[in-house]
Amino acid sequence: MKPQLTTRKALNHTPPTWVSHAEVFFISINSHPRGKNQLANQKNGYGIVESAKYYHLHQKWYCRLLVVMPDHLHVLASFPADVNLKTFVSSWKRYLANNNGIQWQRDFFDHRIRNDENLDDKVK
């Protein structure tokens, strides 16, 4: 008999109402399958960076740092008041999947940066 796999809980990406829209979030997004280089190649790396720049210039987010690794990426960003974090990341992932053929794991991880020391740790 095969062991039952547990179902991963969906993360709640809605910041509390008292969190300022200027807050910086650390976001990690994984490709699927892990271990396969889908992101750190000329075509997809360029597409990721160009789309991040486009969204930044059009004030969909304020991207402070983007690090592209072979099978995942990290972002430090803040968002305007009218942009929902989960909706934005889901839309960006869908765009990159459709235009670059990137396969993503379901969901993403986010962490609100609470102070300068925490921000420095994430940048390093």
PDB file of N, CA and C in Angstrom:
ATOM      1  N   MET A   1       0.838  -1.171   0.000  1.00  0.00           N
ATOM      2  CA  MET A   1       0.000   0.000   0.000  1.00  0.00           C
ATOM      3  C   MET A   1       0.890   1.245   0.000  1.00  0.00           C
ATOM      4  N   LYS A   2       0.584   2.190  -0.874  1.00  0.00           N
ATOM      5  CA  LYS A   2       1.370   3.426  -0.953  1.00  0.00           C
ATOM      6  C   LYS A   2       0.987   4.362   0.183  1.00  0.00           C
ATOM      7  N   PRO A   3       2.001   5.045   0.731  1.00  0.00           N
ATOM      8  CA  PRO A   3       1.666   6.026   1.779  1.00  0.00           C
ATOM      9  C   PRO A   3       0.925   7.218   1.174  1.00  0.00           C
ATOM     10  N   GLN A   4       0.010   7.762   1.924  1.00  0.00           N
ATOM     11  CA  GLN A   4      -0.751   8.926   1.490  1.00  0.00           C
ATOM     12  C   GLN A   4       0.130  10.176   1.551  1.00  0.00           C
ATOM     13  N   LEU A   5       0.147  10.926   0.467  1.00  0.00           N
ATOM     14  CA  LEU A   5       0.870  12.192   0.466  1.00  0.00           C
ATOM     15  C   LEU A   5      -0.021  13.260   1.082  1.00  0.00           C
ATOM     16  N   THR A   6       0.569  14.095   1.881  1.00  0.00           N
ATOM     17  CA  THR A   6      -0.214  15.168   2.480  1.00  0.00           C
ATOM     18  C   THR A   6      -0.426  16.272   1.456  1.00  0.00           C
ATOM     19  N   THR A   7      -1.553  16.901   1.527  1.00  0.00           N
ATOM     20  CA  THR A   7      -1.859  18.014   0.654  1.00  0.00           C
ATOM     21  C   THR A   7      -1.263  19.276   1.250  1.00  0.00           C
ATOM     22  N   ARG A   8      -0.489  19.975   0.433  1.00  0.00           N
ATOM     23  CA  ARG A   8       0.142  21.198   0.911  1.00  0.00           C
ATOM     24  C   ARG A   8      -0.912  22.284   1.088  1.00  0.00           C
ATOM     25  N   LYS A   9      -0.847  22.973   2.204  1.00  0.00           N
ATOM     26  CA  LYS A   9      -1.792  24.057   2.469  1.00  0.00           C
ATOM     27  C   LYS A   9      -1.487  25.242   1.569  1.00  0.00           C
ATOM     28  N   ALA A  10      -2.525  25.922   1.147  1.00  0.00           N
ATOM     29  CA  ALA A  10      -2.351  27.146   0.369  1.00  0.00           C
ATOM     30  C   ALA A  10      -1.965  28.273   1.325  1.00  0.00           C
ATOM     31  N   LEU A  11      -1.004  29.066   0.903  1.00  0.00           N
ATOM     32  CA  LEU A  11      -0.564  30.185   1.730  1.00  0.00           C
ATOM     33  C   LEU A  11      -1.492  31.371   1.549  1.00  0.00           C
ATOM     34  N   ASN A  12      -1.699  32.109   2.611  1.00  0.00           N
ATOM     35  CA  ASN A  12      -2.489  33.331   2.543  1.00  0.00           C
ATOM     36  C   ASN A  12      -1.529  34.477   2.240  1.00  0.00           C
ATOM     37  N   HIS A  13      -1.644  35.073   1.081  1.00  0.00           N
ATOM     38  CA  HIS A  13      -0.732  36.128   0.670  1.00  0.00           C
ATOM     39  C   HIS A  13      -1.309  37.531   0.875  1.00  0.00           C
ATOM     40  N   THR A  14      -2.394  37.632   1.603  1.00  0.00           N
ATOM     41  CA  THR A  14      -3.013  38.931   1.824  1.00  0.00           C
ATOM     42  C   THR A  14      -2.400  39.578   3.064  1.00  0.00           C
ATOM     43  N   PRO A  15      -1.685  40.686   2.867  1.00  0.00           N
ATOM     44  CA  PRO A  15      -1.125  41.366   4.044  1.00  0.00           C
ATOM     45  C   PRO A  15      -2.247  41.907   4.932  1.00  0.00           C
ATOM     46  N   PRO A  16      -2.032  41.958   6.232  1.00  0.00           N
ATOM     47  CA  PRO A  16      -3.033  42.551   7.122  1.00  0.00           C
ATOM     48  C   PRO A  16      -3.310  44.004   6.725  1.00  0.00           C
ATOM     49  N   THR A  17      -4.473  44.478   7.035  1.00  0.00           N
ATOM     50  CA  THR A  17      -4.877  45.829   6.633  1.00  0.00           C
ATOM     51  C   THR A  17      -3.980  46.911   7.219  1.00  0.00           C
ATOM     52  N   TRP A  18      -3.333  46.636   8.351  1.00  0.00           N
ATOM     53  CA  TRP A  18      -2.485  47.638   8.990  1.00  0.00           C
ATOM     54  C   TRP A  18      -1.098  47.732   8.364  1.00  0.00           C
ATOM     55  N   VAL A  19      -0.770  46.838   7.426  1.00  0.00           N
ATOM     56  CA  VAL A  19       0.540  46.862   6.768  1.00  0.00           C
ATOM     57  C   VAL A  19       0.535  47.930   5.683  1.00  0.00           C
ATOM     58  N   SER A  20       1.521  48.801   5.709  1.00  0.00           N
ATOM     59  CA  SER A  20       1.648  49.870   4.722  1.00  0.00           C
ATOM     60  C   SER A  20       1.915  49.285   3.346  1.00  0.00           C
ATOM     61  N   HIS A  21       1.404  49.953   2.323  1.00  0.00           N
ATOM     62  CA  HIS A  21       1.643  49.492   0.949  1.00  0.00           C
ATOM     63  C   HIS A  21       3.079  49.737   0.510  1.00  0.00           C
ATOM     64  N   ALA A  22       3.817  50.498   1.272  1.00  0.00           N
ATOM     65  CA  ALA A  22       5.219  50.754   0.941  1.00  0.00           C
ATOM     66  C   ALA A  22       6.146  49.660   1.473  1.00  0.00           C
ATOM     67  N   GLU A  23       5.583  48.699   2.205  1.00  0.00           N
ATOM     68  CA  GLU A  23       6.399  47.627   2.781  1.00  0.00           C
ATOM     69  C   GLU A  23       7.068  46.818   1.673  1.00  0.00           C
ATOM     70  N   VAL A  24       8.255  46.320   1.980  1.00  0.00           N
ATOM     71  CA  VAL A  24       9.003  45.500   1.034  1.00  0.00           C
ATOM     72  C   VAL A  24       8.739  44.035   1.351  1.00  0.00           C
ATOM     73  N   PHE A  25       8.523  43.246   0.309  1.00  0.00           N
ATOM     74  CA  PHE A  25       8.304  41.818   0.456  1.00  0.00           C
ATOM     75  C   PHE A  25       9.439  41.050  -0.204  1.00  0.00           C
ATOM     76  N   PHE A  26       9.861  39.978   0.457  1.00  0.00           N
ATOM     77  CA  PHE A  26      10.796  39.024  -0.113  1.00  0.00           C
ATOM     78  C   PHE A  26       9.947  37.906  -0.690  1.00  0.00           C
ATOM     79  N   ILE A  27      10.090  37.659  -1.987  1.00  0.00           N
ATOM     80  CA  ILE A  27       9.266  36.673  -2.678  1.00  0.00           C
ATOM     81  C   ILE A  27      10.175  35.628  -3.316  1.00  0.00           C
ATOM     82  N   SER A  28       9.832  34.359  -3.137  1.00  0.00           N
ATOM     83  CA  SER A  28      10.532  33.250  -3.791  1.00  0.00           C
ATOM     84  C   SER A  28       9.533  32.507  -4.663  1.00  0.00           C
ATOM     85  N   ILE A  29       9.937  32.231  -5.900  1.00  0.00           N
ATOM     86  CA  ILE A  29       9.090  31.493  -6.836  1.00  0.00           C
ATOM     87  C   ILE A  29       9.926  30.353  -7.403  1.00  0.00           C
ATOM     88  N   ASN A  30       9.404  29.133  -7.326  1.00  0.00           N
ATOM     89  CA  ASN A  30      10.120  27.952  -7.797  1.00  0.00           C
ATOM     90  C   ASN A  30       9.568  27.452  -9.121  1.00  0.00           C
ATOM     91  N   SER A  31      10.481  27.025  -9.978  1.00  0.00           N
ATOM     92  CA  SER A  31      10.043  26.371 -11.205  1.00  0.00           C
ATOM     93  C   SER A  31       9.799  24.896 -10.907  1.00  0.00           C
ATOM     94  N   HIS A  32       9.200  24.225 -11.867  1.00  0.00           N
ATOM     95  CA  HIS A  32       8.898  22.800 -11.717  1.00  0.00           C
ATOM     96  C   HIS A  32       9.413  22.060 -12.936  1.00  0.00           C
ATOM     97  N   PRO A  33      10.164  20.999 -12.781  1.00  0.00           N
ATOM     98  CA  PRO A  33      10.610  20.404 -11.530  1.00  0.00           C
ATOM     99  C   PRO A  33      11.824  21.144 -10.988  1.00  0.00           C
ATOM    100  N   ARG A  34      12.030  21.053  -9.678  1.00  0.00           N
ATOM    101  CA  ARG A  34      13.225  21.638  -9.072  1.00  0.00           C
ATOM    102  C   ARG A  34      14.438  20.890  -9.601  1.00  0.00           C
ATOM    103  N   GLY A  35      15.560  21.585  -9.704  1.00  0.00           N
ATOM    104  CA  GLY A  35      16.792  20.961 -10.159  1.00  0.00           C
ATOM    105  C   GLY A  35      17.024  21.073 -11.654  1.00  0.00           C
ATOM    106  N   LYS A  36      16.013  21.464 -12.407  1.00  0.00           N
ATOM    107  CA  LYS A  36      16.130  21.632 -13.857  1.00  0.00           C
ATOM    108  C   LYS A  36      16.327  23.122 -14.145  1.00  0.00           C
ATOM    109  N   ASN A  37      17.326  23.454 -14.951  1.00  0.00           N
ATOM    110  CA  ASN A  37      17.595  24.864 -15.266  1.00  0.00           C
ATOM    111  C   ASN A  37      16.611  25.372 -16.314  1.00  0.00           C
ATOM    112  N   GLN A  38      15.551  25.996 -15.846  1.00  0.00           N
ATOM    113  CA  GLN A  38      14.595  26.637 -16.748  1.00  0.00           C
ATOM    114  C   GLN A  38      14.780  28.152 -16.795  1.00  0.00           C
ATOM    115  N   LEU A  39      15.414  28.719 -15.777  1.00  0.00           N
ATOM    116  CA  LEU A  39      15.400  30.169 -15.626  1.00  0.00           C
ATOM    117  C   LEU A  39      16.717  30.840 -15.979  1.00  0.00           C
ATOM    118  N   ALA A  40      17.843  30.263 -15.603  1.00  0.00           N
ATOM    119  CA  ALA A  40      19.144  30.914 -15.767  1.00  0.00           C
ATOM    120  C   ALA A  40      19.761  30.550 -17.119  1.00  0.00           C
ATOM    121  N   ASN A  41      19.030  30.846 -18.170  1.00  0.00           N
ATOM    122  CA  ASN A  41      19.551  30.688 -19.524  1.00  0.00           C
ATOM    123  C   ASN A  41      19.245  31.974 -20.282  1.00  0.00           C
ATOM    124  N   GLN A  42      19.842  32.141 -21.436  1.00  0.00           N
ATOM    125  CA  GLN A  42      19.747  33.425 -22.128  1.00  0.00           C
ATOM    126  C   GLN A  42      18.307  33.829 -22.435  1.00  0.00           C
ATOM    127  N   LYS A  43      17.510  32.922 -22.986  1.00  0.00           N
ATOM    128  CA  LYS A  43      16.139  33.264 -23.380  1.00  0.00           C
ATOM    129  C   LYS A  43      15.266  33.587 -22.164  1.00  0.00           C
ATOM    130  N   ASN A  44      15.195  32.660 -21.227  1.00  0.00           N
ATOM    131  CA  ASN A  44      14.286  32.854 -20.104  1.00  0.00           C
ATOM    132  C   ASN A  44      14.793  33.887 -19.106  1.00  0.00           C
ATOM    133  N   GLY A  45      16.088  33.911 -18.865  1.00  0.00           N
ATOM    134  CA  GLY A  45      16.643  34.927 -17.973  1.00  0.00           C
ATOM    135  C   GLY A  45      16.350  36.323 -18.488  1.00  0.00           C
ATOM    136  N   TYR A  46      16.553  36.522 -19.789  1.00  0.00           N
ATOM    137  CA  TYR A  46      16.263  37.818 -20.409  1.00  0.00           C
ATOM    138  C   TYR A  46      14.772  38.146 -20.298  1.00  0.00           C
ATOM    139  N   GLY A  47      13.913  37.160 -20.575  1.00  0.00           N
ATOM    140  CA  GLY A  47      12.469  37.387 -20.497  1.00  0.00           C
ATOM    141  C   GLY A  47      12.011  37.752 -19.100  1.00  0.00           C
ATOM    142  N   ILE A  48      12.577  37.110 -18.099  1.00  0.00           N
ATOM    143  CA  ILE A  48      12.228  37.400 -16.700  1.00  0.00           C
ATOM    144  C   ILE A  48      12.632  38.821 -16.339  1.00  0.00           C
ATOM    145  N   VAL A  49      13.870  39.181 -16.669  1.00  0.00           N
ATOM    146  CA  VAL A  49      14.374  40.518 -16.330  1.00  0.00           C
ATOM    147  C   VAL A  49      13.600  41.596 -17.083  1.00  0.00           C
ATOM    148  N   GLU A  50      13.350  41.383 -18.362  1.00  0.00           N
ATOM    149  CA  GLU A  50      12.624  42.390 -19.151  1.00  0.00           C
ATOM    150  C   GLU A  50      11.194  42.568 -18.661  1.00  0.00           C
ATOM    151  N   SER A  51      10.527  41.484 -18.299  1.00  0.00           N
ATOM    152  CA  SER A  51       9.152  41.616 -17.797  1.00  0.00           C
ATOM    153  C   SER A  51       9.146  42.314 -16.437  1.00  0.00           C
ATOM    154  N   ALA A  52      10.140  42.010 -15.593  1.00  0.00           N
ATOM    155  CA  ALA A  52      10.235  42.686 -14.294  1.00  0.00           C
ATOM    156  C   ALA A  52      10.457  44.180 -14.495  1.00  0.00           C
ATOM    157  N   LYS A  53      11.327  44.545 -15.433  1.00  0.00           N
ATOM    158  CA  LYS A  53      11.567  45.968 -15.730  1.00  0.00           C
ATOM    159  C   LYS A  53      10.304  46.633 -16.255  1.00  0.00           C
ATOM    160  N   TYR A  54       9.567  45.953 -17.144  1.00  0.00           N
ATOM    161  CA  TYR A  54       8.335  46.502 -17.708  1.00  0.00           C
ATOM    162  C   TYR A  54       7.329  46.803 -16.597  1.00  0.00           C
ATOM    163  N   TYR A  55       7.100  45.830 -15.713  1.00  0.00           N
ATOM    164  CA  TYR A  55       6.155  46.036 -14.620  1.00  0.00           C
ATOM    165  C   TYR A  55       6.626  47.146 -13.675  1.00  0.00           C
ATOM    166  N   HIS A  56       7.928  47.240 -13.472  1.00  0.00           N
ATOM    167  CA  HIS A  56       8.474  48.295 -12.624  1.00  0.00           C
ATOM    168  C   HIS A  56       8.234  49.669 -13.261  1.00  0.00           C
ATOM    169  N   LEU A  57       8.562  49.793 -14.532  1.00  0.00           N
ATOM    170  CA  LEU A  57       8.382  51.079 -15.227  1.00  0.00           C
ATOM    171  C   LEU A  57       6.919  51.490 -15.310  1.00  0.00           C
ATOM    172  N   HIS A  58       6.010  50.516 -15.343  1.00  0.00           N
ATOM    173  CA  HIS A  58       4.578  50.807 -15.401  1.00  0.00           C
ATOM    174  C   HIS A  58       3.930  50.795 -14.017  1.00  0.00           C
ATOM    175  N   GLN A  59       4.768  50.827 -12.981  1.00  0.00           N
ATOM    176  CA  GLN A  59       4.353  50.966 -11.587  1.00  0.00           C
ATOM    177  C   GLN A  59       3.354  49.901 -11.125  1.00  0.00           C
ATOM    178  N   LYS A  60       3.544  48.694 -11.621  1.00  0.00           N
ATOM    179  CA  LYS A  60       2.770  47.550 -11.127  1.00  0.00           C
ATOM    180  C   LYS A  60       3.411  47.001  -9.868  1.00  0.00           C
ATOM    181  N   TRP A  61       4.715  47.242  -9.736  1.00  0.00           N
ATOM    182  CA  TRP A  61       5.468  46.920  -8.542  1.00  0.00           C
ATOM    183  C   TRP A  61       6.707  47.791  -8.534  1.00  0.00           C
ATOM    184  N   TYR A  62       7.400  47.819  -7.412  1.00  0.00           N
ATOM    185  CA  TYR A  62       8.653  48.554  -7.297  1.00  0.00           C
ATOM    186  C   TYR A  62       9.710  47.522  -6.943  1.00  0.00           C
ATOM    187  N   CYS A  63      10.335  46.993  -7.968  1.00  0.00           N
ATOM    188  CA  CYS A  63      11.287  45.897  -7.817  1.00  0.00           C
ATOM    189  C   CYS A  63      12.636  46.461  -7.381  1.00  0.00           C
ATOM    190  N   ARG A  64      13.069  46.084  -6.201  1.00  0.00           N
ATOM    191  CA  ARG A  64      14.349  46.555  -5.666  1.00  0.00           C
ATOM    192  C   ARG A  64      15.484  45.616  -6.027  1.00  0.00           C
ATOM    193  N   LEU A  65      15.190  44.326  -6.120  1.00  0.00           N
ATOM    194  CA  LEU A  65      16.220  43.333  -6.406  1.00  0.00           C
ATOM    195  C   LEU A  65      15.543  42.101  -6.996  1.00  0.00           C
ATOM    196  N   LEU A  66      16.151  41.563  -8.049  1.00  0.00           N
ATOM    197  CA  LEU A  66      15.678  40.336  -8.671  1.00  0.00           C
ATOM    198  C   LEU A  66      16.888  39.439  -8.866  1.00  0.00           C
ATOM    199  N   VAL A  67      16.824  38.230  -8.318  1.00  0.00           N
ATOM    200  CA  VAL A  67      17.908  37.262  -8.459  1.00  0.00           C
ATOM    201  C   VAL A  67      17.325  36.033  -9.144  1.00  0.00           C
ATOM    202  N   VAL A  68      17.870  35.710 -10.314  1.00  0.00           N
ATOM    203  CA  VAL A  68      17.399  34.558 -11.076  1.00  0.00           C
ATOM    204  C   VAL A  68      18.391  33.420 -10.897  1.00  0.00           C
ATOM    205  N   MET A  69      17.912  32.308 -10.393  1.00  0.00           N
ATOM    206  CA  MET A  69      18.704  31.090 -10.200  1.00  0.00           C
ATOM    207  C   MET A  69      18.223  30.065 -11.232  1.00  0.00           C
ATOM    208  N   PRO A  70      18.911  28.940 -11.376  1.00  0.00           N
ATOM    209  CA  PRO A  70      18.479  27.960 -12.383  1.00  0.00           C
ATOM    210  C   PRO A  70      17.037  27.461 -12.220  1.00  0.00           C
ATOM    211  N   ASP A  71      16.586  27.227 -10.977  1.00  0.00           N
ATOM    212  CA  ASP A  71      15.254  26.651 -10.790  1.00  0.00           C
ATOM    213  C   ASP A  71      14.340  27.461  -9.871  1.00  0.00           C
ATOM    214  N   HIS A  72      14.750  28.667  -9.523  1.00  0.00           N
ATOM    215  CA  HIS A  72      13.889  29.532  -8.717  1.00  0.00           C
ATOM    216  C   HIS A  72      14.393  30.975  -8.831  1.00  0.00           C
ATOM    217  N   LEU A  73      13.581  31.885  -8.338  1.00  0.00           N
ATOM    218  CA  LEU A  73      14.010  33.275  -8.310  1.00  0.00           C
ATOM    219  C   LEU A  73      13.585  33.925  -7.012  1.00  0.00           C
ATOM    220  N   HIS A  74      14.301  34.997  -6.675  1.00  0.00           N
ATOM    221  CA  HIS A  74      14.009  35.783  -5.476  1.00  0.00           C
ATOM    222  C   HIS A  74      13.788  37.223  -5.905  1.00  0.00           C
ATOM    223  N   VAL A  75      12.848  37.875  -5.252  1.00  0.00           N
ATOM    224  CA  VAL A  75      12.522  39.262  -5.551  1.00  0.00           C
ATOM    225  C   VAL A  75      12.343  40.014  -4.236  1.00  0.00           C
ATOM    226  N   LEU A  76      12.856  41.226  -4.193  1.00  0.00           N
ATOM    227  CA  LEU A  76      12.525  42.172  -3.136  1.00  0.00           C
ATOM    228  C   LEU A  76      11.731  43.282  -3.813  1.00  0.00           C
ATOM    229  N   ALA A  77      10.481  43.456  -3.413  1.00  0.00           N
ATOM    230  CA  ALA A  77       9.623  44.425  -4.088  1.00  0.00           C
ATOM    231  C   ALA A  77       8.559  44.955  -3.140  1.00  0.00           C
ATOM    232  N   SER A  78       8.061  46.128  -3.489  1.00  0.00           N
ATOM    233  CA  SER A  78       6.878  46.670  -2.829  1.00  0.00           C
ATOM    234  C   SER A  78       5.838  46.915  -3.914  1.00  0.00           C
ATOM    235  N   PHE A  79       4.603  47.151  -3.493  1.00  0.00           N
ATOM    236  CA  PHE A  79       3.495  47.216  -4.438  1.00  0.00           C
ATOM    237  C   PHE A  79       2.621  48.435  -4.178  1.00  0.00           C
ATOM    238  N   PRO A  80       2.096  49.036  -5.245  1.00  0.00           N
ATOM    239  CA  PRO A  80       1.153  50.146  -5.055  1.00  0.00           C
ATOM    240  C   PRO A  80      -0.100  49.661  -4.319  1.00  0.00           C
ATOM    241  N   ALA A  81      -0.825  50.590  -3.756  1.00  0.00           N
ATOM    242  CA  ALA A  81      -2.006  50.255  -2.954  1.00  0.00           C
ATOM    243  C   ALA A  81      -3.051  49.475  -3.745  1.00  0.00           C
ATOM    244  N   ASP A  82      -3.159  49.701  -5.052  1.00  0.00           N
ATOM    245  CA  ASP A  82      -4.198  49.044  -5.848  1.00  0.00           C
ATOM    246  C   ASP A  82      -3.758  47.706  -6.443  1.00  0.00           C
ATOM    247  N   VAL A  83      -2.572  47.207  -6.079  1.00  0.00           N
ATOM    248  CA  VAL A  83      -2.080  45.939  -6.615  1.00  0.00           C
ATOM    249  C   VAL A  83      -2.110  44.879  -5.525  1.00  0.00           C
ATOM    250  N   ASN A  84      -2.770  43.774  -5.816  1.00  0.00           N
ATOM    251  CA  ASN A  84      -2.857  42.635  -4.909  1.00  0.00           C
ATOM    252  C   ASN A  84      -1.653  41.732  -5.164  1.00  0.00           C
ATOM    253  N   LEU A  85      -0.907  41.406  -4.109  1.00  0.00           N
ATOM    254  CA  LEU A  85       0.318  40.607  -4.220  1.00  0.00           C
ATOM    255  C   LEU A  85       0.069  39.271  -4.916  1.00  0.00           C
ATOM    256  N   LYS A  86      -0.901  38.501  -4.453  1.00  0.00           N
ATOM    257  CA  LYS A  86      -1.163  37.188  -5.024  1.00  0.00           C
ATOM    258  C   LYS A  86      -1.586  37.297  -6.490  1.00  0.00           C
ATOM    259  N   THR A  87      -2.446  38.233  -6.799  1.00  0.00           N
ATOM    260  CA  THR A  87      -2.900  38.420  -8.179  1.00  0.00           C
ATOM    261  C   THR A  87      -1.737  38.812  -9.072  1.00  0.00           C
ATOM    262  N   PHE A  88      -0.882  39.703  -8.582  1.00  0.00           N
ATOM    263  CA  PHE A  88       0.262  40.141  -9.376  1.00  0.00           C
ATOM    264  C   PHE A  88       1.207  38.974  -9.678  1.00  0.00           C
ATOM    265  N   VAL A  89       1.614  38.234  -8.649  1.00  0.00           N
ATOM    266  CA  VAL A  89       2.570  37.140  -8.850  1.00  0.00           C
ATOM    267  C   VAL A  89       1.963  36.065  -9.750  1.00  0.00           C
ATOM    268  N   SER A  90       0.701  35.730  -9.546  1.00  0.00           N
ATOM    269  CA  SER A  90       0.041  34.727 -10.389  1.00  0.00           C
ATOM    270  C   SER A  90       0.007  35.176 -11.842  1.00  0.00           C
ATOM    271  N   SER A  91      -0.289  36.435 -12.063  1.00  0.00           N
ATOM    272  CA  SER A  91      -0.334  36.978 -13.418  1.00  0.00           C
ATOM    273  C   SER A  91       1.052  36.983 -14.060  1.00  0.00           C
ATOM    274  N   TRP A  92       2.073  37.356 -13.295  1.00  0.00           N
ATOM    275  CA  TRP A  92       3.447  37.377 -13.813  1.00  0.00           C
ATOM    276  C   TRP A  92       3.908  35.969 -14.174  1.00  0.00           C
ATOM    277  N   LYS A  93       3.631  35.014 -13.303  1.00  0.00           N
ATOM    278  CA  LYS A  93       3.989  33.622 -13.580  1.00  0.00           C
ATOM    279  C   LYS A  93       3.275  33.124 -14.840  1.00  0.00           C
ATOM    280  N   ARG A  94       1.999  33.440 -14.992  1.00  0.00           N
ATOM    281  CA  ARG A  94       1.229  33.029 -16.170  1.00  0.00           C
ATOM    282  C   ARG A  94       1.820  33.644 -17.440  1.00  0.00           C
ATOM    283  N   TYR A  95       2.165  34.932 -17.372  1.00  0.00           N
ATOM    284  CA  TYR A  95       2.788  35.598 -18.519  1.00  0.00           C
ATOM    285  C   TYR A  95       4.084  34.891 -18.912  1.00  0.00           C
ATOM    286  N   LEU A  96       4.949  34.618 -17.939  1.00  0.00           N
ATOM    287  CA  LEU A  96       6.223  33.968 -18.226  1.00  0.00           C
ATOM    288  C   LEU A  96       6.026  32.536 -18.717  1.00  0.00           C
ATOM    289  N   ALA A  97       5.029  31.841 -18.206  1.00  0.00           N
ATOM    290  CA  ALA A  97       4.739  30.479 -18.678  1.00  0.00           C
ATOM    291  C   ALA A  97       4.285  30.517 -20.137  1.00  0.00           C
ATOM    292  N   ASN A  98       3.400  31.441 -20.460  1.00  0.00           N
ATOM    293  CA  ASN A  98       2.872  31.532 -21.821  1.00  0.00           C
ATOM    294  C   ASN A  98       3.905  32.028 -22.825  1.00  0.00           C
ATOM    295  N   ASN A  99       4.751  32.956 -22.426  1.00  0.00           N
ATOM    296  CA  ASN A  99       5.691  33.569 -23.368  1.00  0.00           C
ATOM    297  C   ASN A  99       7.071  32.920 -23.383  1.00  0.00           C
ATOM    298  N   ASN A 100       7.435  32.239 -22.313  1.00  0.00           N
ATOM    299  CA  ASN A 100       8.762  31.635 -22.241  1.00  0.00           C
ATOM    300  C   ASN A 100       8.730  30.133 -21.995  1.00  0.00           C
ATOM    301  N   GLY A 101       7.549  29.577 -21.825  1.00  0.00           N
ATOM    302  CA  GLY A 101       7.434  28.137 -21.619  1.00  0.00           C
ATOM    303  C   GLY A 101       7.930  27.658 -20.265  1.00  0.00           C
ATOM    304  N   ILE A 102       8.004  28.559 -19.301  1.00  0.00           N
ATOM    305  CA  ILE A 102       8.478  28.188 -17.969  1.00  0.00           C
ATOM    306  C   ILE A 102       7.357  27.458 -17.226  1.00  0.00           C
ATOM    307  N   GLN A 103       7.709  26.359 -16.608  1.00  0.00           N
ATOM    308  CA  GLN A 103       6.763  25.629 -15.767  1.00  0.00           C
ATOM    309  C   GLN A 103       7.045  26.005 -14.316  1.00  0.00           C
ATOM    310  N   TRP A 104       6.002  26.380 -13.598  1.00  0.00           N
ATOM    311  CA  TRP A 104       6.149  26.842 -12.228  1.00  0.00           C
ATOM    312  C   TRP A 104       5.526  25.876 -11.255  1.00  0.00           C
ATOM    313  N   GLN A 105       6.079  25.826 -10.038  1.00  0.00           N
ATOM    314  CA  GLN A 105       5.386  25.149  -8.955  1.00  0.00           C
ATOM    315  C   GLN A 105       4.168  25.986  -8.594  1.00  0.00           C
ATOM    316  N   ARG A 106       3.192  25.322  -8.001  1.00  0.00           N
ATOM    317  CA  ARG A 106       2.005  26.036  -7.545  1.00  0.00           C
ATOM    318  C   ARG A 106       2.406  27.015  -6.452  1.00  0.00           C
ATOM    319  N   ASP A 107       1.821  28.193  -6.493  1.00  0.00           N
ATOM    320  CA  ASP A 107       1.966  29.196  -5.444  1.00  0.00           C
ATOM    321  C   ASP A 107       3.374  29.798  -5.380  1.00  0.00           C
ATOM    322  N   PHE A 108       3.692  30.449  -4.295  1.00  0.00           N
ATOM    323  CA  PHE A 108       4.979  31.098  -4.079  1.00  0.00           C
ATOM    324  C   PHE A 108       5.104  31.379  -2.587  1.00  0.00           C
ATOM    325  N   PHE A 109       6.278  31.827  -2.177  1.00  0.00           N
ATOM    326  CA  PHE A 109       6.511  32.169  -0.778  1.00  0.00           C
ATOM    327  C   PHE A 109       6.738  33.667  -0.685  1.00  0.00           C
ATOM    328  N   ASP A 110       6.149  34.300   0.309  1.00  0.00           N
ATOM    329  CA  ASP A 110       6.431  35.712   0.547  1.00  0.00           C
ATOM    330  C   ASP A 110       6.667  35.955   2.032  1.00  0.00           C
ATOM    331  N   HIS A 111       7.480  36.953   2.295  1.00  0.00           N
ATOM    332  CA  HIS A 111       7.806  37.336   3.665  1.00  0.00           C
ATOM    333  C   HIS A 111       7.938  38.856   3.684  1.00  0.00           C
ATOM    334  N   ARG A 112       7.182  39.502   4.551  1.00  0.00           N
ATOM    335  CA  ARG A 112       7.271  40.962   4.676  1.00  0.00           C
ATOM    336  C   ARG A 112       8.540  41.322   5.435  1.00  0.00           C
ATOM    337  N   ILE A 113       9.329  42.212   4.862  1.00  0.00           N
ATOM    338  CA  ILE A 113      10.554  42.689   5.508  1.00  0.00           C
ATOM    339  C   ILE A 113      10.151  43.670   6.605  1.00  0.00           C
ATOM    340  N   ARG A 114      10.609  43.425   7.817  1.00  0.00           N
ATOM    341  CA  ARG A 114      10.149  44.214   8.961  1.00  0.00           C
ATOM    342  C   ARG A 114      11.106  45.301   9.421  1.00  0.00           C
ATOM    343  N   ASN A 115      12.387  45.208   9.024  1.00  0.00           N
ATOM    344  CA  ASN A 115      13.338  46.237   9.443  1.00  0.00           C
ATOM    345  C   ASN A 115      14.552  46.223   8.512  1.00  0.00           C
ATOM    346  N   ASP A 116      15.413  47.211   8.653  1.00  0.00           N
ATOM    347  CA  ASP A 116      16.586  47.332   7.771  1.00  0.00           C
ATOM    348  C   ASP A 116      17.523  46.144   7.909  1.00  0.00           C
ATOM    349  N   GLU A 117      17.661  45.626   9.119  1.00  0.00           N
ATOM    350  CA  GLU A 117      18.560  44.476   9.322  1.00  0.00           C
ATOM    351  C   GLU A 117      18.052  43.259   8.555  1.00  0.00           C
ATOM    352  N   ASN A 118      16.738  43.059   8.617  1.00  0.00           N
ATOM    353  CA  ASN A 118      16.116  41.954   7.887  1.00  0.00           C
ATOM    354  C   ASN A 118      16.306  42.150   6.380  1.00  0.00           C
ATOM    355  N   LEU A 119      16.172  43.387   5.904  1.00  0.00           N
ATOM    356  CA  LEU A 119      16.369  43.693   4.493  1.00  0.00           C
ATOM    357  C   LEU A 119      17.808  43.407   4.081  1.00  0.00           C
ATOM    358  N   ASP A 120      18.768  43.819   4.886  1.00  0.00           N
ATOM    359  CA  ASP A 120      20.173  43.544   4.596  1.00  0.00           C
ATOM    360  C   ASP A 120      20.449  42.052   4.506  1.00  0.00           C
ATOM    361  N   ASP A 121      19.857  41.263   5.412  1.00  0.00           N
ATOM    362  CA  ASP A 121      20.019  39.806   5.384  1.00  0.00           C
ATOM    363  C   ASP A 121      19.502  39.231   4.066  1.00  0.00           C
ATOM    364  N   LYS A 122      18.361  39.681   3.630  1.00  0.00           N
ATOM    365  CA  LYS A 122      17.770  39.152   2.392  1.00  0.00           C
ATOM    366  C   LYS A 122      18.584  39.580   1.170  1.00  0.00           C
ATOM    367  N   VAL A 123      19.103  40.794   1.177  1.00  0.00           N
ATOM    368  CA  VAL A 123      19.923  41.252   0.058  1.00  0.00           C
ATOM    369  C   VAL A 123      21.191  40.423  -0.062  1.00  0.00           C
ATOM    370  N   LYS A 124      21.795  40.098   1.094  1.00  0.00           N
ATOM    371  CA  LYS A 124      23.018  39.283   1.077  1.00  0.00           C
ATOM    372  C   LYS A 124      22.708  37.884   0.611  1.00  0.00           C
TER     373      LYS A 124
END
